[in-house]
């Protein structure tokens, strides 16, 4: 099965949370910060959203920075994904 986003939505896969700090301290599950960098897996076609034309500016394979708690989390074939609107993407990471 595959997920194909509609309208101005984008399917992303969040990068794994850091297990240790830069100084080598191991983090417990509750101390880990939610990652904000993700890989774009699929992109919707854009089109009219709330009466305004939306052109998609990200593409499959981009690494993006998202709002911390944006989107809807979904699980597919044992993998965790998030579906966000293009407006929830803050930047493309290069």
N, C-alpha and C. Protein backbone atom coordinates (compact mmCIF):
# COMPACT_ATOMS: atom_id res chain seq x y z
N UNK A 1 0.83 -1.18 0.00
CA UNK A 1 0.00 0.00 0.00
C UNK A 1 0.88 1.25 0.00
N UNK A 2 0.40 2.31 -0.65
CA UNK A 2 1.13 3.58 -0.65
C UNK A 2 0.19 4.69 -0.21
N UNK A 3 0.79 5.77 0.26
CA UNK A 3 0.02 6.94 0.65
C UNK A 3 0.30 8.04 -0.36
N UNK A 4 -0.76 8.59 -0.95
CA UNK A 4 -0.63 9.67 -1.92
C UNK A 4 -1.33 10.90 -1.34
N UNK A 5 -0.57 11.92 -0.94
CA UNK A 5 -1.18 13.11 -0.35
C UNK A 5 -2.04 13.86 -1.36
N UNK A 6 -3.08 14.52 -0.88
CA UNK A 6 -3.98 15.32 -1.71
C UNK A 6 -3.72 16.80 -1.47
N UNK A 7 -4.13 17.62 -2.41
CA UNK A 7 -4.09 19.07 -2.30
C UNK A 7 -2.68 19.57 -1.95
N UNK A 8 -2.56 20.38 -0.90
CA UNK A 8 -1.26 20.96 -0.54
C UNK A 8 -0.57 20.19 0.58
N UNK A 9 -0.86 18.91 0.69
CA UNK A 9 -0.29 18.11 1.78
C UNK A 9 0.95 17.35 1.32
N UNK A 10 1.82 17.06 2.30
CA UNK A 10 3.10 16.42 2.03
C UNK A 10 3.29 15.30 3.03
N UNK A 11 3.74 14.14 2.56
CA UNK A 11 4.04 13.00 3.42
C UNK A 11 5.52 13.05 3.76
N UNK A 12 5.84 13.09 5.06
CA UNK A 12 7.23 13.15 5.49
C UNK A 12 7.54 12.04 6.47
N UNK A 13 8.81 11.69 6.57
CA UNK A 13 9.28 10.71 7.56
C UNK A 13 10.30 11.42 8.43
N UNK A 14 9.98 11.55 9.70
CA UNK A 14 10.86 12.25 10.63
C UNK A 14 12.16 11.48 10.83
N UNK A 15 13.25 12.22 11.00
CA UNK A 15 14.53 11.59 11.31
C UNK A 15 14.49 11.11 12.75
N UNK A 16 15.31 10.15 13.08
CA UNK A 16 15.33 9.57 14.42
C UNK A 16 15.78 10.60 15.45
N UNK A 17 15.21 10.53 16.65
CA UNK A 17 15.59 11.42 17.74
C UNK A 17 16.98 11.03 18.23
N UNK A 18 17.71 12.02 18.71
CA UNK A 18 19.06 11.77 19.23
C UNK A 18 18.99 10.89 20.47
N UNK A 19 19.88 9.91 20.54
CA UNK A 19 19.94 9.00 21.68
C UNK A 19 20.87 9.54 22.77
N UNK A 20 21.86 10.34 22.39
CA UNK A 20 22.81 10.90 23.35
C UNK A 20 23.01 12.38 23.05
N UNK A 21 23.47 13.11 24.05
CA UNK A 21 23.81 14.52 23.85
C UNK A 21 25.20 14.60 23.24
N UNK A 22 25.60 15.79 22.83
CA UNK A 22 26.94 15.96 22.24
C UNK A 22 28.04 15.61 23.23
N UNK A 23 27.77 15.76 24.52
CA UNK A 23 28.77 15.42 25.54
C UNK A 23 28.75 13.95 25.92
N UNK A 24 27.84 13.15 25.32
CA UNK A 24 27.83 11.71 25.55
C UNK A 24 26.84 11.21 26.58
N UNK A 25 25.97 12.06 27.09
CA UNK A 25 24.98 11.64 28.08
C UNK A 25 23.83 10.94 27.36
N UNK A 26 23.47 9.74 27.84
CA UNK A 26 22.34 9.00 27.26
C UNK A 26 21.03 9.63 27.68
N UNK A 27 20.11 9.77 26.72
CA UNK A 27 18.81 10.37 27.00
C UNK A 27 17.75 9.29 27.18
N UNK A 28 16.86 9.49 28.14
CA UNK A 28 15.75 8.56 28.33
C UNK A 28 14.66 8.92 27.33
N UNK A 29 13.65 8.07 27.20
CA UNK A 29 12.57 8.30 26.25
C UNK A 29 11.85 9.62 26.44
N UNK A 30 11.65 10.05 27.68
CA UNK A 30 10.93 11.30 27.93
C UNK A 30 11.81 12.53 27.76
N UNK A 31 13.11 12.37 27.82
CA UNK A 31 14.02 13.51 27.69
C UNK A 31 14.39 13.82 26.24
N UNK A 32 14.08 12.89 25.35
CA UNK A 32 14.42 13.11 23.94
C UNK A 32 13.53 14.20 23.36
N UNK A 33 14.15 15.08 22.59
CA UNK A 33 13.40 16.15 21.95
C UNK A 33 12.82 15.64 20.64
N UNK A 34 11.59 16.03 20.33
CA UNK A 34 10.96 15.60 19.09
C UNK A 34 11.73 16.18 17.91
N UNK A 35 12.11 15.35 16.94
CA UNK A 35 12.87 15.85 15.80
C UNK A 35 12.03 16.78 14.94
N UNK A 36 12.70 17.73 14.29
CA UNK A 36 12.00 18.67 13.43
C UNK A 36 12.46 18.54 11.98
N UNK A 37 13.50 17.74 11.74
CA UNK A 37 14.00 17.54 10.38
C UNK A 37 13.41 16.24 9.85
N UNK A 38 12.92 16.29 8.59
CA UNK A 38 12.26 15.12 8.00
C UNK A 38 12.61 15.01 6.53
N UNK A 39 12.41 13.81 5.99
CA UNK A 39 12.59 13.56 4.57
C UNK A 39 11.22 13.55 3.90
N UNK A 40 11.14 14.20 2.73
CA UNK A 40 9.88 14.23 1.99
C UNK A 40 9.74 12.92 1.22
N UNK A 41 8.63 12.21 1.45
CA UNK A 41 8.37 10.91 0.83
C UNK A 41 7.43 11.07 -0.37
N UNK A 42 6.40 11.92 -0.24
CA UNK A 42 5.43 12.14 -1.32
C UNK A 42 4.86 13.55 -1.21
N UNK A 43 4.49 14.13 -2.35
CA UNK A 43 3.98 15.50 -2.40
C UNK A 43 2.65 15.51 -3.16
N UNK A 44 1.68 16.23 -2.60
CA UNK A 44 0.39 16.39 -3.27
C UNK A 44 0.51 17.30 -4.48
N UNK A 45 -0.54 17.39 -5.29
CA UNK A 45 -0.48 18.15 -6.53
C UNK A 45 -0.61 19.67 -6.38
N UNK A 46 -0.98 20.16 -5.19
CA UNK A 46 -1.24 21.59 -5.04
C UNK A 46 -2.63 21.91 -5.54
N UNK A 47 -2.82 23.08 -6.14
CA UNK A 47 -4.12 23.47 -6.67
C UNK A 47 -4.77 24.54 -5.83
N UNK A 48 -6.09 24.61 -5.86
CA UNK A 48 -6.82 25.62 -5.10
C UNK A 48 -7.02 25.17 -3.65
N UNK A 49 -6.59 26.02 -2.73
CA UNK A 49 -6.79 25.77 -1.30
C UNK A 49 -7.36 27.05 -0.71
N UNK A 50 -8.57 26.97 -0.18
CA UNK A 50 -9.27 28.14 0.37
C UNK A 50 -9.37 29.27 -0.65
N UNK A 51 -9.59 28.91 -1.91
CA UNK A 51 -9.77 29.89 -2.96
C UNK A 51 -8.49 30.50 -3.52
N UNK A 52 -7.35 30.02 -3.05
CA UNK A 52 -6.07 30.56 -3.52
C UNK A 52 -5.26 29.45 -4.19
N UNK A 53 -4.57 29.80 -5.27
CA UNK A 53 -3.73 28.84 -5.99
C UNK A 53 -2.48 28.53 -5.16
N UNK A 54 -2.20 27.24 -4.93
CA UNK A 54 -1.03 26.82 -4.18
C UNK A 54 -0.12 26.04 -5.12
N UNK A 55 1.11 26.50 -5.28
CA UNK A 55 2.12 25.80 -6.08
C UNK A 55 3.06 25.10 -5.12
N UNK A 56 3.30 23.82 -5.34
CA UNK A 56 4.15 23.05 -4.44
C UNK A 56 5.62 23.41 -4.70
N UNK A 57 6.33 23.75 -3.62
CA UNK A 57 7.72 24.17 -3.74
C UNK A 57 8.72 23.13 -3.25
N UNK A 58 8.24 22.09 -2.58
CA UNK A 58 9.13 21.00 -2.15
C UNK A 58 8.93 19.81 -3.07
N UNK A 59 9.92 18.95 -3.11
CA UNK A 59 9.83 17.76 -3.97
C UNK A 59 10.28 16.53 -3.18
N UNK A 60 9.95 15.38 -3.70
CA UNK A 60 10.33 14.11 -3.07
C UNK A 60 11.85 14.07 -2.96
N UNK A 61 12.35 13.67 -1.78
CA UNK A 61 13.78 13.58 -1.55
C UNK A 61 14.36 14.77 -0.79
N UNK A 62 13.62 15.89 -0.72
CA UNK A 62 14.09 17.05 0.04
C UNK A 62 14.13 16.72 1.53
N UNK A 63 15.06 17.36 2.25
CA UNK A 63 15.06 17.33 3.72
C UNK A 63 14.47 18.66 4.15
N UNK A 64 13.50 18.62 5.03
CA UNK A 64 12.79 19.83 5.43
C UNK A 64 12.76 19.99 6.94
N UNK A 65 12.57 21.23 7.36
CA UNK A 65 12.41 21.58 8.76
C UNK A 65 10.94 21.93 8.96
N UNK A 66 10.29 21.26 9.91
CA UNK A 66 8.85 21.46 10.12
C UNK A 66 8.57 22.10 11.47
N UNK A 67 7.35 22.59 11.61
CA UNK A 67 6.91 23.08 12.91
C UNK A 67 6.93 21.90 13.88
N UNK A 68 7.20 22.17 15.13
CA UNK A 68 7.46 21.11 16.11
C UNK A 68 6.31 20.11 16.27
N UNK A 69 5.10 20.55 16.40
CA UNK A 69 3.99 19.62 16.64
C UNK A 69 2.93 19.71 15.56
N UNK A 70 3.35 19.89 14.32
CA UNK A 70 2.40 20.02 13.21
C UNK A 70 2.10 18.66 12.58
N UNK A 71 1.02 18.60 11.84
CA UNK A 71 0.71 17.43 11.04
C UNK A 71 -0.06 16.34 11.76
N UNK A 72 -0.34 15.31 11.00
CA UNK A 72 -1.07 14.14 11.48
C UNK A 72 -0.17 12.92 11.33
N UNK A 73 0.06 12.23 12.42
CA UNK A 73 0.92 11.04 12.39
C UNK A 73 0.12 9.84 11.90
N UNK A 74 0.72 9.07 10.99
CA UNK A 74 0.11 7.85 10.48
C UNK A 74 1.14 6.73 10.51
N UNK A 75 0.63 5.49 10.62
CA UNK A 75 1.51 4.33 10.62
C UNK A 75 1.13 3.46 9.43
N UNK A 76 2.13 3.09 8.63
CA UNK A 76 1.87 2.29 7.43
C UNK A 76 2.98 1.26 7.29
N UNK A 77 2.63 -0.01 7.21
CA UNK A 77 3.59 -1.09 7.06
C UNK A 77 4.68 -1.04 8.12
N UNK A 78 4.32 -0.70 9.37
CA UNK A 78 5.27 -0.66 10.47
C UNK A 78 6.15 0.58 10.51
N UNK A 79 5.95 1.52 9.61
CA UNK A 79 6.72 2.76 9.56
C UNK A 79 5.84 3.92 10.02
N UNK A 80 6.45 4.89 10.71
CA UNK A 80 5.74 6.08 11.15
C UNK A 80 5.98 7.22 10.18
N UNK A 81 4.90 7.87 9.73
CA UNK A 81 4.98 9.00 8.82
C UNK A 81 4.14 10.14 9.40
N UNK A 82 4.31 11.32 8.84
CA UNK A 82 3.51 12.47 9.22
C UNK A 82 3.03 13.15 7.95
N UNK A 83 1.76 13.56 7.93
CA UNK A 83 1.22 14.31 6.81
C UNK A 83 1.06 15.75 7.28
N UNK A 84 1.71 16.69 6.57
CA UNK A 84 1.66 18.10 6.92
C UNK A 84 1.21 18.92 5.72
N UNK A 85 0.72 20.11 5.97
CA UNK A 85 0.43 21.06 4.89
C UNK A 85 1.74 21.72 4.51
N UNK A 86 1.82 22.18 3.27
CA UNK A 86 3.05 22.85 2.83
C UNK A 86 3.36 24.06 3.72
N UNK A 87 2.34 24.73 4.23
CA UNK A 87 2.56 25.91 5.09
C UNK A 87 3.18 25.55 6.43
N UNK A 88 3.16 24.25 6.83
CA UNK A 88 3.80 23.82 8.08
C UNK A 88 5.30 23.59 7.90
N UNK A 89 5.77 23.61 6.67
CA UNK A 89 7.20 23.42 6.41
C UNK A 89 7.88 24.79 6.49
N UNK A 90 8.88 24.89 7.36
CA UNK A 90 9.54 26.15 7.61
C UNK A 90 10.70 26.41 6.65
N UNK A 91 11.40 25.34 6.23
CA UNK A 91 12.57 25.54 5.37
C UNK A 91 12.99 24.20 4.76
N UNK A 92 13.74 24.30 3.67
CA UNK A 92 14.36 23.13 3.07
C UNK A 92 15.81 23.10 3.57
N UNK A 93 16.25 21.97 4.09
CA UNK A 93 17.60 21.83 4.64
C UNK A 93 18.52 21.35 3.53
N UNK A 94 19.60 22.08 3.29
CA UNK A 94 20.56 21.69 2.24
C UNK A 94 21.88 21.31 2.84
